PDB file of N, CA and C in Angstrom:
ATOM      1  N   MET A   1     131.372  -8.287 143.132  1.00  0.00           N
ATOM      2  CA  MET A   1     132.260  -7.426 143.905  1.00  0.00           C
ATOM      3  C   MET A   1     132.940  -6.432 142.971  1.00  0.00           C
ATOM      4  N   VAL A   2     133.151  -5.234 143.441  1.00  0.00           N
ATOM      5  CA  VAL A   2     133.773  -4.168 142.656  1.00  0.00           C
ATOM      6  C   VAL A   2     135.262  -4.452 142.498  1.00  0.00           C
ATOM      7  N   ALA A   3     135.833  -3.984 141.392  1.00  0.00           N
ATOM      8  CA  ALA A   3     137.238  -4.275 141.098  1.00  0.00           C
ATOM      9  C   ALA A   3     138.178  -3.726 142.160  1.00  0.00           C
ATOM     10  N   GLY A   4     137.787  -2.666 142.874  1.00  0.00           N
ATOM     11  CA  GLY A   4     138.655  -2.072 143.873  1.00  0.00           C
ATOM     12  C   GLY A   4     138.705  -2.857 145.169  1.00  0.00           C
ATOM     13  N   GLY A   5     137.871  -3.875 145.331  1.00  0.00           N
ATOM     14  CA  GLY A   5     137.873  -4.669 146.546  1.00  0.00           C
ATOM     15  C   GLY A   5     137.137  -3.980 147.684  1.00  0.00           C
ATOM     16  N   ALA A   6     136.141  -3.165 147.373  1.00  0.00           N
ATOM     17  CA  ALA A   6     135.387  -2.463 148.411  1.00  0.00           C
ATOM     18  C   ALA A   6     134.471  -3.430 149.139  1.00  0.00           C
ATOM     19  N   PRO A   7     134.233  -3.199 150.419  1.00  0.00           N
ATOM     20  CA  PRO A   7     133.325  -4.066 151.166  1.00  0.00           C
ATOM     21  C   PRO A   7     131.886  -3.861 150.690  1.00  0.00           C
ATOM     22  N   PRO A   8     130.992  -4.808 150.991  1.00  0.00           N
ATOM     23  CA  PRO A   8     129.594  -4.652 150.597  1.00  0.00           C
ATOM     24  C   PRO A   8     129.011  -3.360 151.162  1.00  0.00           C
ATOM     25  N   ARG A   9     127.994  -2.849 150.499  1.00  0.00           N
ATOM     26  CA  ARG A   9     127.530  -1.494 150.769  1.00  0.00           C
ATOM     27  C   ARG A   9     127.009  -1.284 152.180  1.00  0.00           C
ATOM     28  N   GLY A  10     126.262  -2.185 152.734  1.00  0.00           N
ATOM     29  CA  GLY A  10     125.640  -1.956 154.030  1.00  0.00           C
ATOM     30  C   GLY A  10     126.458  -2.449 155.215  1.00  0.00           C
ATOM     31  N   SER A  11     127.662  -2.910 155.019  1.00  0.00           N
ATOM     32  CA  SER A  11     128.426  -3.515 156.102  1.00  0.00           C
ATOM     33  C   SER A  11     129.077  -2.459 156.999  1.00  0.00           C
ATOM     34  N   ALA A  12     129.517  -2.900 158.153  1.00  0.00           N
ATOM     35  CA  ALA A  12     130.206  -2.006 159.080  1.00  0.00           C
ATOM     36  C   ALA A  12     131.554  -1.567 158.504  1.00  0.00           C
ATOM     37  N   ALA A  13     132.191  -2.443 157.718  1.00  0.00           N
ATOM     38  CA  ALA A  13     133.473  -2.093 157.102  1.00  0.00           C
ATOM     39  C   ALA A  13     133.288  -0.966 156.090  1.00  0.00           C
ATOM     40  N   ALA A  14     132.162  -0.979 155.376  1.00  0.00           N
ATOM     41  CA  ALA A  14     131.902   0.084 154.407  1.00  0.00           C
ATOM     42  C   ALA A  14     131.683   1.410 155.129  1.00  0.00           C
ATOM     43  N   ALA A  15     130.989   1.385 156.263  1.00  0.00           N
ATOM     44  CA  ALA A  15     130.755   2.609 157.029  1.00  0.00           C
ATOM     45  C   ALA A  15     132.074   3.158 157.579  1.00  0.00           C
ATOM     46  N   ALA A  16     132.948   2.283 158.054  1.00  0.00           N
ATOM     47  CA  ALA A  16     134.247   2.718 158.569  1.00  0.00           C
ATOM     48  C   ALA A  16     135.105   3.290 157.446  1.00  0.00           C
ATOM     49  N   ASN A  17     134.995   2.686 156.264  1.00  0.00           N
ATOM     50  CA  ASN A  17     135.749   3.171 155.111  1.00  0.00           C
ATOM     51  C   ASN A  17     135.293   4.578 154.736  1.00  0.00           C
ATOM     52  N   MET A  18     134.001   4.851 154.768  1.00  0.00           N
ATOM     53  CA  MET A  18     133.482   6.187 154.451  1.00  0.00           C
ATOM     54  C   MET A  18     133.943   7.212 155.486  1.00  0.00           C
ATOM     55  N   ARG A  19     133.988   6.804 156.769  1.00  0.00           N
ATOM     56  CA  ARG A  19     134.454   7.732 157.800  1.00  0.00           C
ATOM     57  C   ARG A  19     135.916   8.095 157.567  1.00  0.00           C
ATOM     58  N   ARG A  20     136.716   7.103 157.179  1.00  0.00           N
ATOM     59  CA  ARG A  20     138.128   7.374 156.910  1.00  0.00           C
ATOM     60  C   ARG A  20     138.289   8.303 155.711  1.00  0.00           C
ATOM     61  N   ARG A  21     137.481   8.109 154.666  1.00  0.00           N
ATOM     62  CA  ARG A  21     137.568   8.948 153.480  1.00  0.00           C
ATOM     63  C   ARG A  21     137.231  10.392 153.802  1.00  0.00           C
ATOM     64  N   ARG A  22     136.171  10.586 154.575  1.00  0.00           N
ATOM     65  CA  ARG A  22     135.759  11.950 154.909  1.00  0.00           C
ATOM     66  C   ARG A  22     136.804  12.631 155.775  1.00  0.00           C
ATOM     67  N   ALA A  23     137.425  11.895 156.685  1.00  0.00           N
ATOM     68  CA  ALA A  23     138.431  12.497 157.563  1.00  0.00           C
ATOM     69  C   ALA A  23     139.685  12.853 156.767  1.00  0.00           C
ATOM     70  N   ALA A  24     140.078  11.984 155.835  1.00  0.00           N
ATOM     71  CA  ALA A  24     141.309  12.219 155.078  1.00  0.00           C
ATOM     72  C   ALA A  24     141.121  13.270 153.990  1.00  0.00           C
ATOM     73  N   GLY A  25     139.974  13.300 153.345  1.00  0.00           N
ATOM     74  CA  GLY A  25     139.756  14.215 152.225  1.00  0.00           C
ATOM     75  C   GLY A  25     139.068  15.474 152.671  1.00  0.00           C
ATOM     76  N   GLY A  26     139.721  16.280 153.484  1.00  0.00           N
ATOM     77  CA  GLY A  26     139.129  17.501 154.010  1.00  0.00           C
ATOM     78  C   GLY A  26     138.895  18.538 152.934  1.00  0.00           C
ATOM     79  N   GLY A  27     138.285  19.639 153.302  1.00  0.00           N
ATOM     80  CA  GLY A  27     137.946  20.679 152.346  1.00  0.00           C
ATOM     81  C   GLY A  27     139.158  21.360 151.746  1.00  0.00           C
ATOM     82  N   ALA A  28     140.249  21.483 152.489  1.00  0.00           N
ATOM     83  CA  ALA A  28     141.428  22.185 151.965  1.00  0.00           C
ATOM     84  C   ALA A  28     142.068  21.404 150.828  1.00  0.00           C
ATOM     85  N   ALA A  29     142.130  20.091 150.969  1.00  0.00           N
ATOM     86  CA  ALA A  29     142.745  19.288 149.912  1.00  0.00           C
ATOM     87  C   ALA A  29     141.847  19.240 148.683  1.00  0.00           C
ATOM     88  N   ALA A  30     140.546  19.204 148.884  1.00  0.00           N
ATOM     89  CA  ALA A  30     139.635  19.129 147.750  1.00  0.00           C
ATOM     90  C   ALA A  30     139.521  20.468 147.030  1.00  0.00           C
ATOM     91  N   ALA A  31     139.817  21.566 147.716  1.00  0.00           N
ATOM     92  CA  ALA A  31     139.665  22.888 147.113  1.00  0.00           C
ATOM     93  C   ALA A  31     140.934  23.351 146.398  1.00  0.00           C
ATOM     94  N   GLY A  32     141.897  22.489 146.195  1.00  0.00           N
ATOM     95  CA  GLY A  32     143.092  22.873 145.453  1.00  0.00           C
ATOM     96  C   GLY A  32     144.262  23.189 146.349  1.00  0.00           C
ATOM     97  N   GLY A  33     144.419  22.458 147.443  1.00  0.00           N
ATOM     98  CA  GLY A  33     145.521  22.711 148.340  1.00  0.00           C
ATOM     99  C   GLY A  33     146.827  22.147 147.838  1.00  0.00           C
ATOM    100  N   GLY A  34     146.782  21.274 146.831  1.00  0.00           N
ATOM    101  CA  GLY A  34     148.001  20.666 146.313  1.00  0.00           C
ATOM    102  C   GLY A  34     148.824  21.660 145.508  1.00  0.00           C
ATOM    103  N   ALA A  35     150.078  21.337 145.287  1.00  0.00           N
ATOM    104  CA  ALA A  35     150.979  22.261 144.598  1.00  0.00           C
ATOM    105  C   ALA A  35     150.735  22.287 143.096  1.00  0.00           C
ATOM    106  N   SER A  36     150.392  21.153 142.511  1.00  0.00           N
ATOM    107  CA  SER A  36     150.241  21.112 141.053  1.00  0.00           C
ATOM    108  C   SER A  36     148.777  20.870 140.694  1.00  0.00           C
ATOM    109  N   THR A  37     147.993  21.914 140.725  1.00  0.00           N
ATOM    110  CA  THR A  37     146.587  21.826 140.355  1.00  0.00           C
ATOM    111  C   THR A  37     146.333  22.677 139.130  1.00  0.00           C
ATOM    112  N   MET A  38     145.130  22.574 138.569  1.00  0.00           N
ATOM    113  CA  MET A  38     144.784  23.380 137.406  1.00  0.00           C
ATOM    114  C   MET A  38     144.764  24.860 137.745  1.00  0.00           C
ATOM    115  N   LEU A  39     144.479  25.216 138.995  1.00  0.00           N
ATOM    116  CA  LEU A  39     144.436  26.620 139.368  1.00  0.00           C
ATOM    117  C   LEU A  39     145.800  27.281 139.268  1.00  0.00           C
ATOM    118  N   GLN A  40     146.852  26.497 139.279  1.00  0.00           N
ATOM    119  CA  GLN A  40     148.196  27.053 139.201  1.00  0.00           C
ATOM    120  C   GLN A  40     148.426  27.746 137.856  1.00  0.00           C
ATOM    121  N   PHE A  41     147.726  27.313 136.811  1.00  0.00           N
ATOM    122  CA  PHE A  41     147.910  27.916 135.494  1.00  0.00           C
ATOM    123  C   PHE A  41     147.378  29.345 135.450  1.00  0.00           C
ATOM    124  N   TYR A  42     146.481  29.690 136.343  1.00  0.00           N
ATOM    125  CA  TYR A  42     145.873  31.015 136.319  1.00  0.00           C
ATOM    126  C   TYR A  42     146.397  31.915 137.425  1.00  0.00           C
ATOM    127  N   THR A  43     147.498  31.561 138.039  1.00  0.00           N
ATOM    128  CA  THR A  43     148.083  32.397 139.086  1.00  0.00           C
ATOM    129  C   THR A  43     149.363  33.036 138.570  1.00  0.00           C
ATOM    130  N   ASP A  44     149.917  33.931 139.345  1.00  0.00           N
ATOM    131  CA  ASP A  44     151.164  34.586 138.953  1.00  0.00           C
ATOM    132  C   ASP A  44     152.372  33.680 139.141  1.00  0.00           C
ATOM    133  N   ASP A  45     152.207  32.547 139.820  1.00  0.00           N
ATOM    134  CA  ASP A  45     153.323  31.641 140.060  1.00  0.00           C
ATOM    135  C   ASP A  45     153.613  30.746 138.867  1.00  0.00           C
ATOM    136  N   ALA A  46     152.709  30.698 137.885  1.00  0.00           N
ATOM    137  CA  ALA A  46     152.897  29.820 136.741  1.00  0.00           C
ATOM    138  C   ALA A  46     154.025  30.351 135.856  1.00  0.00           C
ATOM    139  N   THR A  47     154.782  29.429 135.273  1.00  0.00           N
ATOM    140  CA  THR A  47     155.860  29.826 134.378  1.00  0.00           C
ATOM    141  C   THR A  47     155.344  29.899 132.945  1.00  0.00           C
ATOM    142  N   GLY A  48     156.038  30.640 132.103  1.00  0.00           N
ATOM    143  CA  GLY A  48     155.674  30.714 130.695  1.00  0.00           C
ATOM    144  C   GLY A  48     154.907  31.976 130.371  1.00  0.00           C
ATOM    145  N   ALA A  49     154.337  31.990 129.164  1.00  0.00           N
ATOM    146  CA  ALA A  49     153.620  33.168 128.680  1.00  0.00           C
ATOM    147  C   ALA A  49     152.307  33.326 129.432  1.00  0.00           C
ATOM    148  N   LYS A  50     151.971  34.554 129.767  1.00  0.00           N
ATOM    149  CA  LYS A  50     150.718  34.839 130.457  1.00  0.00           C
ATOM    150  C   LYS A  50     149.683  35.228 129.411  1.00  0.00           C
ATOM    151  N   MET A  51     148.721  34.347 129.158  1.00  0.00           N
ATOM    152  CA  MET A  51     147.674  34.600 128.174  1.00  0.00           C
ATOM    153  C   MET A  51     146.329  34.287 128.799  1.00  0.00           C
ATOM    154  N   SER A  52     145.351  35.091 128.471  1.00  0.00           N
ATOM    155  CA  SER A  52     144.011  34.834 128.983  1.00  0.00           C
ATOM    156  C   SER A  52     143.361  33.726 128.150  1.00  0.00           C
ATOM    157  N   PRO A  53     142.373  33.053 128.700  1.00  0.00           N
ATOM    158  CA  PRO A  53     141.672  32.013 127.924  1.00  0.00           C
ATOM    159  C   PRO A  53     141.013  32.569 126.661  1.00  0.00           C
ATOM    160  N   ASN A  54     140.554  33.816 126.685  1.00  0.00           N
ATOM    161  CA  ASN A  54     139.952  34.405 125.486  1.00  0.00           C
ATOM    162  C   ASN A  54     140.976  34.564 124.369  1.00  0.00           C
ATOM    163  N   THR A  55     142.197  34.930 124.718  1.00  0.00           N
ATOM    164  CA  THR A  55     143.251  35.068 123.713  1.00  0.00           C
ATOM    165  C   THR A  55     143.544  33.728 123.053  1.00  0.00           C
ATOM    166  N   VAL A  56     143.611  32.691 123.851  1.00  0.00           N
ATOM    167  CA  VAL A  56     143.868  31.347 123.309  1.00  0.00           C
ATOM    168  C   VAL A  56     142.721  30.927 122.397  1.00  0.00           C
ATOM    169  N   LEU A  57     141.488  31.223 122.794  1.00  0.00           N
ATOM    170  CA  LEU A  57     140.323  30.873 121.978  1.00  0.00           C
ATOM    171  C   LEU A  57     140.365  31.583 120.630  1.00  0.00           C
ATOM    172  N   PHE A  58     140.632  32.889 120.629  1.00  0.00           N
ATOM    173  CA  PHE A  58     140.651  33.635 119.372  1.00  0.00           C
ATOM    174  C   PHE A  58     141.813  33.208 118.487  1.00  0.00           C
ATOM    175  N   MET A  59     142.940  32.891 119.078  1.00  0.00           N
ATOM    176  CA  MET A  59     144.074  32.431 118.269  1.00  0.00           C
ATOM    177  C   MET A  59     143.785  31.076 117.629  1.00  0.00           C
ATOM    178  N   SER A  60     143.138  30.184 118.341  1.00  0.00           N
ATOM    179  CA  SER A  60     142.825  28.874 117.765  1.00  0.00           C
ATOM    180  C   SER A  60     141.781  28.993 116.662  1.00  0.00           C
ATOM    181  N   ILE A  61     140.782  29.876 116.843  1.00  0.00           N
ATOM    182  CA  ILE A  61     139.790  30.099 115.785  1.00  0.00           C
ATOM    183  C   ILE A  61     140.463  30.724 114.565  1.00  0.00           C
ATOM    184  N   GLY A  62     141.383  31.662 114.795  1.00  0.00           N
ATOM    185  CA  GLY A  62     142.112  32.274 113.690  1.00  0.00           C
ATOM    186  C   GLY A  62     142.954  31.267 112.924  1.00  0.00           C
ATOM    187  N   LEU A  63     143.608  30.376 113.639  1.00  0.00           N
ATOM    188  CA  LEU A  63     144.401  29.339 112.971  1.00  0.00           C
ATOM    189  C   LEU A  63     143.511  28.441 112.120  1.00  0.00           C
ATOM    190  N   SER A  64     142.352  28.064 112.652  1.00  0.00           N
ATOM    191  CA  SER A  64     141.420  27.230 111.881  1.00  0.00           C
ATOM    192  C   SER A  64     140.943  27.959 110.632  1.00  0.00           C
ATOM    193  N   ALA A  65     140.687  29.270 110.747  1.00  0.00           N
ATOM    194  CA  ALA A  65     140.243  30.049 109.589  1.00  0.00           C
ATOM    195  C   ALA A  65     141.335  30.128 108.525  1.00  0.00           C
ATOM    196  N   VAL A  66     142.583  30.303 108.944  1.00  0.00           N
ATOM    197  CA  VAL A  66     143.698  30.364 107.979  1.00  0.00           C
ATOM    198  C   VAL A  66     143.858  29.031 107.266  1.00  0.00           C
ATOM    199  N   VAL A  67     143.749  27.934 108.004  1.00  0.00           N
ATOM    200  CA  VAL A  67     143.872  26.610 107.379  1.00  0.00           C
ATOM    201  C   VAL A  67     142.748  26.386 106.376  1.00  0.00           C
ATOM    202  N   ALA A  68     141.504  26.769 106.748  1.00  0.00           N
ATOM    203  CA  ALA A  68     140.378  26.619 105.825  1.00  0.00           C
ATOM    204  C   ALA A  68     140.588  27.480 104.582  1.00  0.00           C
ATOM    205  N   LEU A  69     141.077  28.705 104.758  1.00  0.00           N
ATOM    206  CA  LEU A  69     141.334  29.590 103.623  1.00  0.00           C
ATOM    207  C   LEU A  69     142.408  29.011 102.704  1.00  0.00           C
ATOM    208  N   LEU A  70     143.445  28.437 103.271  1.00  0.00           N
ATOM    209  CA  LEU A  70     144.482  27.817 102.448  1.00  0.00           C
ATOM    210  C   LEU A  70     143.957  26.614 101.673  1.00  0.00           C
ATOM    211  N   HIS A  71     143.037  25.876 102.254  1.00  0.00           N
ATOM    212  CA  HIS A  71     142.421  24.755 101.532  1.00  0.00           C
ATOM    213  C   HIS A  71     141.625  25.271 100.334  1.00  0.00           C
ATOM    214  N   VAL A  72     140.876  26.350 100.527  1.00  0.00           N
ATOM    215  CA  VAL A  72     140.090  26.917  99.429  1.00  0.00           C
ATOM    216  C   VAL A  72     141.011  27.442  98.341  1.00  0.00           C
ATOM    217  N   VAL A  73     142.060  28.163  98.712  1.00  0.00           N
ATOM    218  CA  VAL A  73     143.008  28.696  97.726  1.00  0.00           C
ATOM    219  C   VAL A  73     143.682  27.549  96.974  1.00  0.00           C
ATOM    220  N   GLY A  74     144.012  26.501  97.682  1.00  0.00           N
ATOM    221  CA  GLY A  74     144.635  25.359  97.017  1.00  0.00           C
ATOM    222  C   GLY A  74     143.710  24.683  96.025  1.00  0.00           C
ATOM    223  N   LYS A  75     142.418  24.607  96.337  1.00  0.00           N
ATOM    224  CA  LYS A  75     141.470  23.992  95.408  1.00  0.00           C
ATOM    225  C   LYS A  75     141.239  24.879  94.183  1.00  0.00           C
ATOM    226  N   LEU A  76     141.257  26.195  94.369  1.00  0.00           N
ATOM    227  CA  LEU A  76     140.935  27.085  93.257  1.00  0.00           C
ATOM    228  C   LEU A  76     142.119  27.345  92.330  1.00  0.00           C
ATOM    229  N   TYR A  77     143.304  27.563  92.876  1.00  0.00           N
ATOM    230  CA  TYR A  77     144.405  28.058  92.077  1.00  0.00           C
ATOM    231  C   TYR A  77     145.466  27.027  91.719  1.00  0.00           C
ATOM    232  N   PHE A  78     145.590  25.970  92.478  1.00  0.00           N
ATOM    233  CA  PHE A  78     146.673  25.025  92.242  1.00  0.00           C
ATOM    234  C   PHE A  78     146.153  23.703  91.712  1.00  0.00           C
ATOM    235  N   VAL A  79     145.248  23.796  90.727  1.00  0.00           N
ATOM    236  CA  VAL A  79     144.678  22.592  90.107  1.00  0.00           C
ATOM    237  C   VAL A  79     145.568  22.201  88.933  1.00  0.00           C
ATOM    238  N   PRO A  80     145.987  20.928  88.853  1.00  0.00           N
ATOM    239  CA  PRO A  80     146.812  20.526  87.698  1.00  0.00           C
ATOM    240  C   PRO A  80     146.016  20.658  86.393  1.00  0.00           C
ATOM    241  N   ARG A  81     146.647  21.176  85.355  1.00  0.00           N
ATOM    242  CA  ARG A  81     145.943  21.400  84.076  1.00  0.00           C
ATOM    243  C   ARG A  81     146.284  20.371  83.052  1.00  0.00           C
TER     244      ARG A  81
END
């Protein structure tokens, strides 16, 4: 038996459970009808700085490049003598 306590697959209880799920989980709720969804981050209603995903990507790559460059500079110039 499944940990969730679901009825066996071919039983009438399982069929009734599927009917209830389909009725309750309509298309509006599945398409982001809730107030706090991931789509909220890309709308004008979101709070905070407005940045495109490309800007975030380039900034993270730039940060990684600066960290790598600092590692190289540290290995070359700050070696104990």
